[in-house]
Amino acid sequence: MAWWIQTLEMLDESDKPTGTWRLAAVSDEKPARRIPLCECDHKTMEGARDCETARKHAVHYQSR
C-alpha cells in the first residue's frame, strides 16, 4: 500500500464542502483511506499545507 500526502477540503455529514481544509494521508487502497493529519479547520489550502502539527504527523506516512 502506498500513501500520498494531500490537502483536502473537509466535507460535512451531507458530503458538501465546508470551506475548511486539512492535510491528509491518502492510501491507494480501494476505497481509499483518508486520514486527517491535524484537527485544525484551516481556511485556505496553503494554511493546511503549512500546518506544523500535520507536517509532524505526515512523516509517519512518508516513511512507509
N, C-alpha and C. Protein backbone atom coordinates (compact mmCIF):
# COMPACT_ATOMS: atom_id res chain seq x y z
N MET A 1 0.84 -1.18 0.00
CA MET A 1 0.00 0.00 0.00
C MET A 1 0.89 1.24 0.00
N ALA A 2 0.50 2.21 -0.79
CA ALA A 2 1.23 3.48 -0.87
C ALA A 2 0.37 4.58 -0.25
N TRP A 3 1.05 5.62 0.27
CA TRP A 3 0.38 6.77 0.86
C TRP A 3 0.82 8.04 0.16
N TRP A 4 -0.11 8.96 -0.01
CA TRP A 4 0.18 10.30 -0.53
C TRP A 4 -0.28 11.29 0.52
N ILE A 5 0.42 12.40 0.61
CA ILE A 5 0.01 13.48 1.48
C ILE A 5 -0.67 14.52 0.58
N GLN A 6 -1.94 14.81 0.89
CA GLN A 6 -2.72 15.72 0.06
C GLN A 6 -3.47 16.73 0.93
N THR A 7 -3.73 17.88 0.36
CA THR A 7 -4.56 18.89 1.01
C THR A 7 -5.99 18.66 0.52
N LEU A 8 -6.90 18.40 1.47
CA LEU A 8 -8.28 18.09 1.11
C LEU A 8 -9.25 19.05 1.79
N GLU A 9 -10.29 19.40 1.06
CA GLU A 9 -11.36 20.20 1.66
C GLU A 9 -12.25 19.27 2.47
N MET A 10 -12.58 19.69 3.69
CA MET A 10 -13.41 18.86 4.55
C MET A 10 -14.86 18.89 4.07
N LEU A 11 -15.55 17.79 4.29
CA LEU A 11 -16.96 17.66 3.91
C LEU A 11 -17.82 17.55 5.15
N ASP A 12 -19.06 18.03 5.06
CA ASP A 12 -19.97 17.87 6.18
C ASP A 12 -20.67 16.51 6.10
N GLU A 13 -21.63 16.28 6.98
CA GLU A 13 -22.33 14.99 7.03
C GLU A 13 -23.08 14.68 5.73
N SER A 14 -23.40 15.72 4.95
CA SER A 14 -24.11 15.54 3.68
C SER A 14 -23.15 15.50 2.49
N ASP A 15 -21.84 15.36 2.78
CA ASP A 15 -20.80 15.34 1.75
C ASP A 15 -20.71 16.64 0.96
N LYS A 16 -21.06 17.75 1.60
CA LYS A 16 -20.93 19.06 0.97
C LYS A 16 -19.68 19.75 1.51
N PRO A 17 -18.95 20.48 0.65
CA PRO A 17 -17.73 21.17 1.09
C PRO A 17 -18.02 22.17 2.21
N THR A 18 -17.11 22.22 3.19
CA THR A 18 -17.29 23.11 4.33
C THR A 18 -16.51 24.42 4.21
N GLY A 19 -15.57 24.48 3.26
CA GLY A 19 -14.73 25.66 3.15
C GLY A 19 -13.53 25.62 4.07
N THR A 20 -13.32 24.49 4.75
CA THR A 20 -12.15 24.32 5.59
C THR A 20 -11.29 23.19 5.04
N TRP A 21 -10.00 23.27 5.32
CA TRP A 21 -9.03 22.37 4.70
C TRP A 21 -8.15 21.68 5.74
N ARG A 22 -7.68 20.48 5.40
CA ARG A 22 -6.72 19.74 6.24
C ARG A 22 -5.75 18.99 5.35
N LEU A 23 -4.56 18.83 5.86
CA LEU A 23 -3.59 17.94 5.22
C LEU A 23 -3.98 16.53 5.64
N ALA A 24 -3.95 15.59 4.70
CA ALA A 24 -4.37 14.23 5.00
C ALA A 24 -3.45 13.23 4.30
N ALA A 25 -3.34 12.06 4.91
CA ALA A 25 -2.67 10.93 4.28
C ALA A 25 -3.75 10.15 3.53
N VAL A 26 -3.50 9.86 2.26
CA VAL A 26 -4.48 9.17 1.42
C VAL A 26 -3.83 7.92 0.87
N SER A 27 -4.48 6.77 1.06
CA SER A 27 -3.92 5.50 0.60
C SER A 27 -4.35 5.19 -0.82
N ASP A 28 -3.68 4.21 -1.43
CA ASP A 28 -4.06 3.77 -2.77
C ASP A 28 -5.01 2.58 -2.73
N GLU A 29 -5.52 2.26 -1.56
CA GLU A 29 -6.48 1.16 -1.43
C GLU A 29 -7.80 1.54 -2.09
N LYS A 30 -8.61 0.54 -2.40
CA LYS A 30 -9.95 0.76 -2.92
C LYS A 30 -10.94 0.24 -1.89
N PRO A 31 -11.76 1.06 -1.27
CA PRO A 31 -11.78 2.51 -1.37
C PRO A 31 -10.60 3.12 -0.60
N ALA A 32 -10.21 4.29 -1.03
CA ALA A 32 -9.05 4.97 -0.43
C ALA A 32 -9.33 5.32 1.03
N ARG A 33 -8.29 5.16 1.85
CA ARG A 33 -8.37 5.61 3.24
C ARG A 33 -7.86 7.04 3.28
N ARG A 34 -8.57 7.90 3.99
CA ARG A 34 -8.17 9.30 4.16
C ARG A 34 -8.04 9.56 5.65
N ILE A 35 -6.82 9.89 6.07
CA ILE A 35 -6.56 10.11 7.48
C ILE A 35 -6.13 11.56 7.68
N PRO A 36 -6.97 12.37 8.35
CA PRO A 36 -6.57 13.76 8.63
C PRO A 36 -5.33 13.78 9.51
N LEU A 37 -4.41 14.69 9.23
CA LEU A 37 -3.17 14.76 9.98
C LEU A 37 -3.18 15.86 11.04
N CYS A 38 -4.30 16.57 11.17
CA CYS A 38 -4.49 17.54 12.25
C CYS A 38 -5.98 17.66 12.49
N GLU A 39 -6.34 18.38 13.55
CA GLU A 39 -7.75 18.63 13.85
C GLU A 39 -8.12 20.08 13.62
N CYS A 40 -7.22 20.81 12.97
CA CYS A 40 -7.45 22.24 12.69
C CYS A 40 -8.46 22.39 11.55
N ASP A 41 -9.11 23.52 11.51
CA ASP A 41 -10.01 23.87 10.40
C ASP A 41 -9.39 25.06 9.68
N HIS A 42 -8.49 24.78 8.75
CA HIS A 42 -7.79 25.84 8.03
C HIS A 42 -8.71 26.46 6.98
N LYS A 43 -8.64 27.77 6.85
CA LYS A 43 -9.49 28.49 5.90
C LYS A 43 -8.96 28.45 4.48
N THR A 44 -7.68 28.07 4.31
CA THR A 44 -7.08 28.01 2.98
C THR A 44 -6.29 26.71 2.82
N MET A 45 -6.09 26.33 1.56
CA MET A 45 -5.25 25.16 1.27
C MET A 45 -3.83 25.39 1.76
N GLU A 46 -3.35 26.62 1.58
CA GLU A 46 -1.98 26.94 1.98
C GLU A 46 -1.81 26.81 3.48
N GLY A 47 -2.81 27.25 4.24
CA GLY A 47 -2.76 27.12 5.70
C GLY A 47 -2.68 25.68 6.13
N ALA A 48 -3.44 24.80 5.46
CA ALA A 48 -3.40 23.37 5.77
C ALA A 48 -2.04 22.78 5.42
N ARG A 49 -1.48 23.17 4.28
CA ARG A 49 -0.17 22.65 3.87
C ARG A 49 0.94 23.08 4.81
N ASP A 50 0.79 24.27 5.41
CA ASP A 50 1.83 24.81 6.29
C ASP A 50 1.64 24.43 7.76
N CYS A 51 0.61 23.67 8.08
CA CYS A 51 0.31 23.32 9.47
C CYS A 51 1.44 22.48 10.07
N GLU A 52 2.06 22.98 11.12
CA GLU A 52 3.17 22.27 11.75
C GLU A 52 2.74 20.94 12.34
N THR A 53 1.57 20.89 12.95
CA THR A 53 1.07 19.65 13.54
C THR A 53 0.91 18.58 12.46
N ALA A 54 0.27 18.95 11.35
CA ALA A 54 0.05 18.00 10.26
C ALA A 54 1.37 17.53 9.67
N ARG A 55 2.31 18.44 9.49
CA ARG A 55 3.62 18.08 8.93
C ARG A 55 4.34 17.06 9.82
N LYS A 56 4.21 17.22 11.13
CA LYS A 56 4.85 16.27 12.06
C LYS A 56 4.24 14.88 11.89
N HIS A 57 2.92 14.80 11.74
CA HIS A 57 2.24 13.52 11.57
C HIS A 57 2.49 12.93 10.17
N ALA A 58 2.70 13.77 9.18
CA ALA A 58 2.91 13.30 7.81
C ALA A 58 4.18 12.46 7.67
N VAL A 59 5.17 12.73 8.49
CA VAL A 59 6.43 11.98 8.44
C VAL A 59 6.18 10.48 8.59
N HIS A 60 5.23 10.12 9.44
CA HIS A 60 4.89 8.71 9.67
C HIS A 60 4.46 8.02 8.37
N TYR A 61 3.69 8.70 7.55
CA TYR A 61 3.19 8.11 6.31
C TYR A 61 4.17 8.21 5.17
N GLN A 62 5.05 9.20 5.21
CA GLN A 62 6.03 9.37 4.14
C GLN A 62 7.13 8.32 4.23
N SER A 63 7.33 7.74 5.40
CA SER A 63 8.40 6.75 5.56
C SER A 63 7.94 5.33 5.30
N ARG A 64 6.70 5.15 4.91
CA ARG A 64 6.19 3.78 4.65
C ARG A 64 6.51 3.32 3.27
